[in-house]
Amino acid sequence: MNAQTGNAAEPPARGGRTGSATEAFVAHRNLLFTVAYEMLGSAADAEDVLQETWLRWVGVDPHTVRNQRAYLVRTATRQALGRLRTLRRRKESYAGPWLPEPPLSAPDTAGDGELADSVSMAMLLVLETLAPTERAVFVLREVFDLQYDEIAEAVDKTPVAVRQIAHRARTHVAARRPREVVSPAETRGALAAFQRALETGDPQRLRATLAPDAVLLTDGGGAVQTTLAPVVGADRVATELARPETSVRPTQLNGAPALTLHTDGRTDTVLAIRVDDGLITGLYAVRNPENPTRLTQETPAGHRTPSSPSNDASDT
């Protein structure tokens, strides 16, 4: 798995014991970022977890650690759990729906449909409904296939308790996750039809691309005027989105096709979708100007912002 981690936890130059710690950290850095991001749904917070993990790791002699990967995953998981509980309290007072914040550079999900599904906007919202420990156990077991004893060390539970938590989390997620993983081609086709309809500003054409029970969630963060409650039903969603003055451009969010909506030359909305049976069933609109997702859409596809250097190391 290979998730780009932006500018988080840049280790110092190699040399001596610190150099050994750096090499070990870089070898697993992408895995650690993805674990933290899956748990938190926030790239900025995942980067902070990497920084905290590095600060703890650099104080350890790596030669005394039998399984460096397990040690680093355990450390990152514990840091993410603490941050997740803080975030949950913060979200209780959030204005309107909260939507996950995709990273500056999405995880490389090419050839890994399960990983791609796990970082989709729809799936991250399902994970939001889990308790913190349930979310950690589900991510480590179902997405990264860690053994129960490894997970038990990471979450300070017994392997027996972890098995029970994993079963409960799987049942919970199965009842709420999208019915099936949709191919990128099907998503692109549905999104292209939706984009053409959106550009006309015609509610009737928009309705034709939406499932009857389509749901629109808009994250304005209280900073912009938006609908605080979910908009339910194709008619209501089409009416809400019909804005002929808006220009539309394709983009990518977490490796999946998405759109940016522009008004007066600036990014107004970043829109991800969920597709079932060729129709759009879920729309996730990020309008909060403080969400870095909005800011990164100004960078042309295939280019990287100066603040997010590439990292070619991957965990195998």
Protein backbone atom coordinates (compact mmCIF):
# COMPACT_ATOMS: atom_id res chain seq x y z
CA MET A 1 0.00 0.00 0.00
CA ASN A 2 1.27 3.47 -0.77
CA ALA A 3 -0.28 6.62 0.67
CA GLN A 4 1.39 9.95 0.09
CA THR A 5 1.81 11.77 3.36
CA GLY A 6 2.45 15.38 2.43
CA ASN A 7 4.88 17.25 4.68
CA ALA A 8 4.16 15.30 7.85
CA ALA A 9 6.90 14.06 10.12
CA GLU A 10 9.89 14.87 7.94
CA PRO A 11 12.73 12.98 9.72
CA PRO A 12 16.20 14.50 10.07
CA ALA A 13 19.18 13.53 7.97
CA ARG A 14 20.47 9.99 8.36
CA GLY A 15 23.39 9.27 10.66
CA GLY A 16 24.07 6.75 13.44
CA ARG A 17 21.16 5.62 15.58
CA THR A 18 18.95 8.44 14.30
CA GLY A 19 19.70 7.29 10.78
CA SER A 20 18.53 3.77 11.55
CA ALA A 21 15.36 5.14 13.13
CA THR A 22 14.79 7.32 10.06
CA GLU A 23 15.16 4.41 7.63
CA ALA A 24 12.72 2.28 9.61
CA PHE A 25 10.20 5.12 9.88
CA VAL A 26 10.36 6.00 6.19
CA ALA A 27 9.94 2.34 5.23
CA HIS A 28 6.57 2.24 7.02
CA ARG A 29 5.57 5.87 6.77
CA ASN A 30 2.92 5.45 4.07
CA LEU A 31 1.26 2.62 5.97
CA LEU A 32 1.20 4.70 9.18
CA PHE A 33 -0.38 7.66 7.41
CA THR A 34 -3.07 5.51 5.85
CA VAL A 35 -3.90 3.82 9.16
CA ALA A 36 -4.22 7.21 10.87
CA TYR A 37 -6.25 8.68 8.01
CA GLU A 38 -8.67 5.74 7.96
CA MET A 39 -9.20 6.19 11.69
CA LEU A 40 -9.56 9.98 11.66
CA GLY A 41 -10.95 10.94 8.24
CA SER A 42 -8.72 14.01 8.33
CA ALA A 43 -5.45 14.35 6.46
CA ALA A 44 -4.24 17.19 8.69
CA ASP A 45 -4.86 15.15 11.84
CA ALA A 46 -3.27 12.07 10.27
CA GLU A 47 -0.16 14.13 9.53
CA ASP A 48 -0.10 15.27 13.17
CA VAL A 49 -0.28 11.62 14.25
CA LEU A 50 2.74 10.86 12.07
CA GLN A 51 4.64 13.71 13.71
CA GLU A 52 3.76 12.44 17.19
CA THR A 53 4.69 8.89 16.20
CA TRP A 54 8.07 10.05 14.87
CA LEU A 55 8.85 12.00 18.05
CA ARG A 56 8.24 8.87 20.11
CA TRP A 57 10.07 6.60 17.70
CA VAL A 58 13.22 8.72 17.54
CA GLY A 59 13.69 8.24 21.28
CA VAL A 60 13.81 4.45 20.89
CA ASP A 61 16.80 2.37 19.82
CA PRO A 62 15.37 0.63 16.75
CA HIS A 63 17.78 -2.29 17.18
CA THR A 64 16.02 -3.22 20.42
CA VAL A 65 12.62 -3.48 18.70
CA ARG A 66 11.92 -6.99 17.39
CA ASN A 67 9.07 -6.01 15.04
CA GLN A 68 9.47 -2.39 13.98
CA ARG A 69 6.37 -2.36 11.79
CA ALA A 70 4.16 -3.62 14.62
CA TYR A 71 5.73 -1.17 17.06
CA LEU A 72 5.15 1.82 14.77
CA VAL A 73 1.59 0.78 13.91
CA ARG A 74 0.84 0.36 17.62
CA THR A 75 2.24 3.80 18.41
CA ALA A 76 0.35 5.50 15.55
CA THR A 77 -2.88 3.72 16.48
CA ARG A 78 -2.68 4.86 20.10
CA GLN A 79 -1.99 8.44 19.03
CA ALA A 80 -4.88 8.33 16.55
CA LEU A 81 -7.26 6.90 19.19
CA GLY A 82 -6.54 9.79 21.54
CA ARG A 83 -7.01 12.32 18.76
CA LEU A 84 -10.18 10.57 17.54
CA ARG A 85 -11.86 10.97 20.92
CA THR A 86 -11.02 14.69 20.89
CA LEU A 87 -12.36 15.08 17.36
CA ARG A 88 -15.63 13.37 18.28
CA ARG A 89 -16.22 15.94 21.01
CA ARG A 90 -15.42 18.75 18.59
CA LYS A 91 -17.83 17.41 15.97
CA GLU A 92 -20.69 17.42 18.49
CA SER A 93 -20.79 21.23 18.20
CA TYR A 94 -20.04 21.35 14.46
CA ALA A 95 -22.47 23.40 12.36
CA GLY A 96 -24.27 21.01 10.03
CA PRO A 97 -22.87 17.81 8.49
CA TRP A 98 -19.14 17.08 8.87
CA LEU A 99 -17.44 15.52 5.85
CA PRO A 100 -14.01 13.84 5.81
CA GLU A 101 -11.03 15.83 4.63
CA PRO A 102 -9.16 14.03 1.84
CA PRO A 103 -5.35 14.30 1.89
CA LEU A 104 -3.37 16.61 -0.38
CA SER A 105 -2.32 13.53 -2.32
CA ALA A 106 -4.76 10.63 -2.09
CA PRO A 107 -3.66 7.11 -1.16
CA ASP A 108 -2.49 5.17 -4.20
CA THR A 109 -5.36 2.71 -4.52
CA ALA A 110 -4.53 1.47 -8.01
CA GLY A 111 -5.18 -2.26 -8.18
CA ASP A 112 -6.53 -2.38 -4.62
CA GLY A 113 -10.31 -2.11 -4.75
CA GLU A 114 -10.74 -2.80 -1.05
CA LEU A 115 -8.41 0.04 -0.06
CA ALA A 116 -10.08 2.38 -2.57
CA ASP A 117 -13.48 1.57 -1.05
CA SER A 118 -12.19 2.08 2.48
CA VAL A 119 -11.10 5.68 1.81
CA SER A 120 -14.17 6.69 -0.18
CA MET A 121 -16.26 9.50 1.25
CA ALA A 122 -19.19 7.13 1.75
CA MET A 123 -17.13 4.55 3.64
CA LEU A 124 -15.38 7.12 5.83
CA LEU A 125 -18.80 8.40 6.86
CA VAL A 126 -19.82 4.86 7.79
CA LEU A 127 -16.67 4.55 9.90
CA GLU A 128 -17.70 7.76 11.67
CA THR A 129 -20.61 5.84 13.20
CA LEU A 130 -18.27 3.45 15.04
CA ALA A 131 -16.94 4.01 18.55
CA PRO A 132 -13.20 4.91 18.56
CA THR A 133 -11.93 1.46 19.55
CA GLU A 134 -14.33 -0.25 17.13
CA ARG A 135 -13.06 1.96 14.33
CA ALA A 136 -9.42 1.18 15.15
CA VAL A 137 -10.07 -2.55 15.29
CA PHE A 138 -12.08 -2.53 12.06
CA VAL A 139 -9.44 -0.57 10.16
CA LEU A 140 -6.52 -2.66 11.39
CA ARG A 141 -8.27 -5.98 10.81
CA GLU A 142 -10.50 -5.49 7.77
CA VAL A 143 -8.39 -3.03 5.77
CA PHE A 144 -4.83 -3.96 6.77
CA ASP A 145 -5.40 -7.60 7.82
CA LEU A 146 -3.43 -7.37 11.06
CA GLN A 147 -3.58 -10.35 13.40
CA TYR A 148 -5.76 -10.14 16.50
CA ASP A 149 -2.79 -10.26 18.86
CA GLU A 150 -1.16 -7.33 17.02
CA ILE A 151 -4.37 -5.32 17.23
CA ALA A 152 -4.79 -6.21 20.91
CA GLU A 153 -1.43 -4.61 21.70
CA ALA A 154 -2.35 -1.50 19.73
CA VAL A 155 -5.69 -0.91 21.48
CA ASP A 156 -4.80 -2.31 24.92
CA LYS A 157 -7.35 -5.12 24.78
CA THR A 158 -7.09 -8.90 24.94
CA PRO A 159 -7.16 -10.85 21.65
CA VAL A 160 -10.49 -12.37 22.73
CA ALA A 161 -11.98 -8.91 23.29
CA VAL A 162 -10.59 -7.73 19.95
CA ARG A 163 -12.31 -10.63 18.15
CA GLN A 164 -15.62 -9.61 19.72
CA ILE A 165 -15.10 -5.95 18.85
CA ALA A 166 -14.15 -6.87 15.27
CA HIS A 167 -17.30 -8.96 14.86
CA ARG A 168 -19.48 -6.17 16.23
CA ALA A 169 -17.81 -3.57 14.01
CA ARG A 170 -18.13 -5.75 10.88
CA THR A 171 -21.83 -6.24 11.52
CA HIS A 172 -22.32 -2.51 12.08
CA VAL A 173 -20.43 -1.54 8.92
CA ALA A 174 -22.09 -4.21 6.76
CA ALA A 175 -25.51 -2.79 7.62
CA ARG A 176 -24.51 0.73 6.56
CA ARG A 177 -21.85 0.50 3.85
CA PRO A 178 -22.65 0.88 0.12
CA ARG A 179 -24.20 -2.27 -1.31
CA GLU A 180 -21.26 -3.02 -3.58
CA VAL A 181 -17.96 -1.58 -4.75
CA VAL A 182 -18.63 0.33 -7.97
CA SER A 183 -16.03 0.23 -10.72
CA PRO A 184 -14.18 3.48 -11.54
CA ALA A 185 -15.62 3.31 -15.07
CA GLU A 186 -19.19 3.22 -13.76
CA THR A 187 -18.48 6.11 -11.40
CA ARG A 188 -16.91 8.16 -14.19
CA GLY A 189 -19.90 7.50 -16.45
CA ALA A 190 -22.44 8.56 -13.82
CA LEU A 191 -20.35 11.61 -12.93
CA ALA A 192 -19.97 12.68 -16.57
CA ALA A 193 -23.74 12.55 -17.08
CA PHE A 194 -24.25 14.47 -13.85
CA GLN A 195 -21.68 17.09 -14.89
CA ARG A 196 -23.38 17.64 -18.25
CA ALA A 197 -26.72 18.08 -16.50
CA LEU A 198 -25.20 20.37 -13.88
CA GLU A 199 -23.70 22.63 -16.53
CA THR A 200 -27.14 23.20 -18.05
CA GLY A 201 -28.64 24.22 -14.70
CA ASP A 202 -31.75 22.21 -15.68
CA PRO A 203 -33.31 20.50 -12.62
CA GLN A 204 -35.10 17.97 -14.84
CA ARG A 205 -31.85 16.79 -16.43
CA LEU A 206 -30.25 16.64 -13.02
CA ARG A 207 -33.09 14.49 -11.66
CA ALA A 208 -32.49 11.96 -14.43
CA THR A 209 -28.98 11.26 -13.09
CA LEU A 210 -30.12 10.82 -9.47
CA ALA A 211 -31.66 7.88 -7.66
CA PRO A 212 -35.14 8.68 -6.27
CA ASP A 213 -33.78 8.53 -2.70
CA ALA A 214 -30.56 10.45 -3.38
CA VAL A 215 -29.11 12.32 -0.40
CA LEU A 216 -27.02 15.51 -0.48
CA LEU A 217 -24.77 16.35 2.50
CA THR A 218 -23.12 19.78 2.53
CA ASP A 219 -20.24 20.70 4.85
CA GLY A 220 -20.06 24.46 5.25
CA GLY A 221 -18.54 24.41 8.72
CA GLY A 222 -20.72 27.36 9.71
CA ALA A 223 -18.49 29.60 7.57
CA VAL A 224 -20.76 29.76 4.52
CA GLN A 225 -24.52 29.70 4.14
CA THR A 226 -25.66 26.18 3.39
CA THR A 227 -28.33 23.64 4.24
CA LEU A 228 -27.56 22.24 7.69
CA ALA A 229 -29.77 19.17 7.33
CA PRO A 230 -29.37 16.47 4.67
CA VAL A 231 -31.31 17.13 1.48
CA VAL A 232 -33.24 13.96 0.61
CA GLY A 233 -34.93 13.00 -2.66
CA ALA A 234 -34.00 13.54 -6.32
CA ASP A 235 -36.37 16.50 -6.75
CA ARG A 236 -35.02 18.41 -3.75
CA VAL A 237 -31.37 17.61 -4.53
CA ALA A 238 -31.77 18.71 -8.17
CA THR A 239 -33.39 21.98 -7.11
CA GLU A 240 -30.63 22.62 -4.55
CA LEU A 241 -27.83 22.06 -7.08
CA ALA A 242 -29.33 23.76 -10.16
CA ARG A 243 -27.06 26.82 -10.50
CA PRO A 244 -26.47 27.73 -14.15
CA GLU A 245 -23.89 30.38 -13.26
CA THR A 246 -21.53 27.72 -11.90
CA SER A 247 -18.66 26.25 -13.95
CA VAL A 248 -17.75 22.62 -13.33
CA ARG A 249 -14.42 20.81 -13.60
CA PRO A 250 -13.51 17.16 -13.03
CA THR A 251 -11.03 16.32 -10.26
CA GLN A 252 -10.03 13.42 -8.00
CA LEU A 253 -10.75 12.86 -4.31
CA ASN A 254 -9.00 9.92 -2.65
CA GLY A 255 -8.29 8.49 -6.07
CA ALA A 256 -11.97 8.59 -7.10
CA PRO A 257 -13.62 10.84 -9.73
CA ALA A 258 -15.18 14.02 -8.32
CA LEU A 259 -16.08 17.57 -9.37
CA THR A 260 -15.17 21.09 -8.38
CA LEU A 261 -17.78 23.84 -8.76
CA HIS A 262 -16.49 27.33 -9.46
CA THR A 263 -18.25 30.68 -9.05
CA ASP A 264 -16.66 34.01 -10.04
CA GLY A 265 -13.37 32.27 -10.78
CA ARG A 266 -12.95 30.64 -7.33
CA THR A 267 -13.62 27.18 -6.01
CA ASP A 268 -17.02 27.18 -4.37
CA THR A 269 -17.62 23.46 -3.78
CA VAL A 270 -15.79 20.16 -4.02
CA LEU A 271 -18.31 17.40 -4.77
CA ALA A 272 -17.84 13.65 -4.35
CA ILE A 273 -20.51 11.10 -5.21
CA ARG A 274 -21.68 7.59 -4.43
CA VAL A 275 -23.15 5.50 -7.25
CA ASP A 276 -25.47 2.49 -7.17
CA ASP A 277 -26.92 0.83 -10.29
CA GLY A 278 -25.70 3.64 -12.53
CA LEU A 279 -27.46 6.41 -10.61
CA ILE A 280 -26.09 8.80 -8.00
CA THR A 281 -27.38 7.93 -4.53
CA GLY A 282 -25.10 10.10 -2.38
CA LEU A 283 -23.57 13.54 -2.93
CA TYR A 284 -20.98 14.99 -0.56
CA ALA A 285 -20.35 18.72 -1.00
CA VAL A 286 -17.44 20.37 0.83
CA ARG A 287 -18.00 24.14 1.00
CA ASN A 288 -16.16 24.96 4.22
CA PRO A 289 -13.42 27.44 3.17
CA GLU A 290 -11.23 26.25 6.06
CA ASN A 291 -11.16 22.68 4.74
CA PRO A 292 -7.82 22.11 2.95
CA THR A 293 -9.69 20.00 0.39
CA ARG A 294 -11.04 23.24 -1.07
CA LEU A 295 -7.63 24.86 -1.26
CA THR A 296 -5.85 21.97 -2.96
CA GLN A 297 -8.31 21.88 -5.83
CA GLU A 298 -6.65 24.99 -7.25
CA THR A 299 -3.60 22.83 -8.11
CA PRO A 300 -3.87 21.29 -11.59
CA ALA A 301 -4.17 17.53 -11.73
CA GLY A 302 -0.81 15.79 -11.77
CA HIS A 303 1.00 18.64 -9.98
CA ARG A 304 2.03 18.78 -6.36
CA THR A 305 1.96 21.84 -4.14
CA PRO A 306 5.36 22.99 -2.80
CA SER A 307 4.31 22.13 0.77
CA SER A 308 3.73 18.46 -0.01
CA PRO A 309 6.98 16.81 -1.18
CA SER A 310 6.68 13.36 -2.66
CA ASN A 311 7.70 10.24 -0.78
CA ASP A 312 8.34 7.17 -2.86
CA ALA A 313 8.88 4.80 0.04
CA SER A 314 6.14 2.23 0.45
CA ASP A 315 5.35 -0.46 2.95
CA THR A 316 5.38 -3.96 1.58
